[in-house]
Protein backbone atom coordinates (compact mmCIF):
# COMPACT_ATOMS: atom_id res chain seq x y z
CA UNK A 1 31.67 141.64 123.82
CA UNK A 2 31.27 138.00 124.44
CA UNK A 3 28.48 136.92 127.03
CA UNK A 4 29.84 136.83 130.80
CA UNK A 5 29.56 133.02 131.08
CA UNK A 6 32.15 132.49 128.48
CA UNK A 7 35.05 132.44 130.72
CA UNK A 8 37.60 131.50 128.32
CA UNK A 9 37.19 134.36 126.10
CA UNK A 10 38.41 138.07 126.57
CA UNK A 11 36.67 141.14 126.19
CA UNK A 12 37.66 141.18 122.48
CA UNK A 13 36.25 137.47 122.23
CA UNK A 14 39.62 135.94 121.91
CA UNK A 15 40.44 132.62 123.30
CA UNK A 16 42.43 133.03 126.88
CA UNK A 17 43.57 130.93 129.59
CA UNK A 18 41.19 131.56 132.70
CA UNK A 19 43.36 133.37 135.77
CA UNK A 20 42.52 130.78 138.69
CA UNK A 21 45.24 132.73 140.99
CA UNK A 22 42.59 134.13 143.42
CA UNK A 23 40.87 130.90 143.76
CA UNK A 24 41.22 128.76 146.95
CA UNK A 25 43.01 125.61 146.66
CA UNK A 26 41.04 122.40 147.42
CA UNK A 27 41.16 118.85 147.10
CA UNK A 28 39.68 117.63 143.48
CA UNK A 29 39.14 114.41 141.89
CA UNK A 30 37.58 113.25 138.60
CA UNK A 31 36.83 109.93 136.99
CA UNK A 32 36.68 109.17 133.45
CA UNK A 33 35.89 106.15 131.39
CA UNK A 34 36.68 105.20 127.58
CA UNK A 35 35.28 102.10 126.00
CA UNK A 36 37.12 100.15 123.33
CA UNK A 37 34.98 97.76 121.25
CA UNK A 38 36.28 94.39 120.32
CA UNK A 39 35.35 91.32 119.17
CA UNK A 40 35.29 88.32 121.32
CA UNK A 41 38.51 86.75 120.17
CA UNK A 42 40.24 89.89 120.30
CA UNK A 43 39.04 90.35 123.98
CA UNK A 44 40.17 86.84 124.65
CA UNK A 45 43.48 87.54 123.33
CA UNK A 46 44.19 90.33 125.31
CA UNK A 47 42.88 88.56 128.23
CA UNK A 48 45.37 85.49 127.71
CA UNK A 49 48.37 87.98 126.90
CA UNK A 50 48.42 87.13 123.38
CA UNK A 51 48.28 90.11 121.50
CA UNK A 52 51.17 90.52 119.11
CA UNK A 53 52.61 93.65 121.07
CA UNK A 54 52.31 92.41 124.46
CA UNK A 55 50.39 93.37 127.69
CA UNK A 56 47.75 95.79 126.12
CA UNK A 57 46.42 96.68 129.69
CA UNK A 58 49.90 97.19 131.40
CA UNK A 59 51.17 99.52 128.42
CA UNK A 60 47.78 101.41 128.25
CA UNK A 61 47.88 102.14 132.06
CA UNK A 62 51.12 103.63 131.73
CA UNK A 63 50.42 105.63 128.58
CA UNK A 64 47.23 107.01 130.31
CA UNK A 65 49.50 108.11 133.36
CA UNK A 66 51.94 109.76 131.40
CA UNK A 67 48.83 111.66 129.19
CA UNK A 68 47.42 113.11 132.50
CA UNK A 69 50.76 114.55 133.51
CA UNK A 70 50.69 116.30 130.15
CA UNK A 71 47.22 117.42 129.78
CA UNK A 72 48.11 121.23 129.57
CA UNK A 73 50.50 120.68 126.88
CA UNK A 74 47.80 118.84 124.84
CA UNK A 75 44.60 120.97 125.66
CA UNK A 76 45.65 124.67 124.84
CA UNK A 77 43.63 126.51 127.64
CA UNK A 78 44.44 123.73 130.34
CA UNK A 79 46.64 124.88 133.47
CA UNK A 80 49.31 122.77 134.52
CA UNK A 81 48.50 120.72 137.72
CA UNK A 82 50.37 119.48 140.36
CA UNK A 83 48.72 115.67 140.11
CA UNK A 84 48.79 113.78 143.85
CA UNK A 85 47.47 110.72 141.71
CA UNK A 86 46.76 109.23 138.39
CA UNK A 87 45.67 105.83 138.11
CA UNK A 88 44.09 104.14 135.10
CA UNK A 89 42.37 100.62 135.13
CA UNK A 90 41.20 98.41 132.35
CA UNK A 91 38.70 95.75 132.32
CA UNK A 92 38.29 93.32 129.49
CA UNK A 93 34.63 92.50 128.88
CA UNK A 94 33.16 89.63 126.30
CA UNK A 95 33.24 92.63 123.47
CA UNK A 96 35.20 95.46 124.99
CA UNK A 97 38.07 96.77 127.01
CA UNK A 98 36.66 99.36 129.47
CA UNK A 99 39.43 101.85 130.90
CA UNK A 100 38.97 103.79 134.08
CA UNK A 101 41.24 106.84 134.81
CA UNK A 102 41.16 108.95 138.21
CA UNK A 103 43.06 112.05 138.42
CA UNK A 104 43.19 113.95 141.81
CA UNK A 105 44.96 117.10 143.16
CA UNK A 106 45.06 119.83 145.48
CA UNK A 107 44.77 123.13 143.62
CA UNK A 108 42.69 126.00 142.27
CA UNK A 109 41.09 124.27 139.58
CA UNK A 110 39.76 120.62 138.43
CA UNK A 111 41.25 117.69 137.10
CA UNK A 112 38.44 116.56 134.76
CA UNK A 113 40.61 117.08 131.53
CA UNK A 114 43.53 115.26 133.25
CA UNK A 115 40.86 112.18 133.82
CA UNK A 116 39.59 112.56 129.97
CA UNK A 117 42.77 112.56 128.77
CA UNK A 118 44.18 109.53 130.65
CA UNK A 119 41.08 107.62 129.46
CA UNK A 120 41.19 108.79 125.96
CA UNK A 121 45.34 108.06 125.52
CA UNK A 122 44.73 104.80 127.28
CA UNK A 123 42.09 103.84 124.66
CA UNK A 124 44.02 104.71 121.84
CA UNK A 125 47.01 102.72 123.12
CA UNK A 126 44.69 99.61 123.34
CA UNK A 127 43.99 100.18 119.89
CA UNK A 128 47.50 100.67 118.60
CA UNK A 129 48.38 96.93 121.01
CA UNK A 130 45.75 95.31 119.18
CA UNK A 131 45.56 96.84 115.63
CA UNK A 132 47.55 93.97 114.29
CA UNK A 133 44.58 91.50 115.17
CA UNK A 134 41.57 93.80 114.65
CA UNK A 135 41.91 96.96 112.79
CA UNK A 136 38.03 97.44 113.04
CA UNK A 137 38.28 98.05 116.98
CA UNK A 138 36.30 100.96 117.76
CA UNK A 139 36.76 103.79 120.51
CA UNK A 140 32.93 104.17 121.17
CA UNK A 141 32.77 106.44 124.17
CA UNK A 142 34.90 108.97 126.37
CA UNK A 143 33.11 110.28 129.22
CA UNK A 144 33.26 111.97 132.53
CA UNK A 145 31.95 109.75 135.33
CA UNK A 146 32.32 111.95 138.33
CA UNK A 147 33.90 114.83 139.78
CA UNK A 148 34.43 116.66 143.20
CA UNK A 149 35.95 119.54 144.86
CA UNK A 150 35.90 123.18 143.94
CA UNK A 151 32.99 125.71 143.73
CA UNK A 152 30.51 123.73 141.95
CA UNK A 153 31.09 120.56 144.49
CA UNK A 154 30.12 116.81 143.56
CA UNK A 155 28.76 115.92 140.17
CA UNK A 156 28.10 112.26 138.94
CA UNK A 157 26.94 111.09 135.43
CA UNK A 158 23.39 109.80 135.99
CA UNK A 159 23.20 105.80 136.00
CA UNK A 160 20.87 105.96 133.16
CA UNK A 161 23.48 107.73 131.03
CA UNK A 162 26.22 105.25 132.07
């Protein structure tokens, strides 16, 4: 029998989806970030709109939003959620493209995976959009920055861990 804190295992130790039917619906929000490390010339090309495939940040934004909406299809034990908002923003730095995704819902379970999926797919889309000019670009991090709502309440990544 698995330890009681392993919520996604049944009594036989098999993976299962957690039953959230008795949990109250609350406002929930999560923010995640992905960083794509690029060379200065690539960052400049993206900023100028000169990437071979076009508007890198615009396409990445839409890809991230679409991905958040499909998280339960991609991550096996995630619940399908009625998302009330998903937003993805990109900032071009001298040597990186930083993508921040926010997801919100009013429901019985959190939206951390939706925010992380949005940031991840947005980063993968940036890579796809720039690989013609820089195959060596690297997705260096995908992290949860903050979450709120539900029984566990507020959580924020430590500024020293940023």
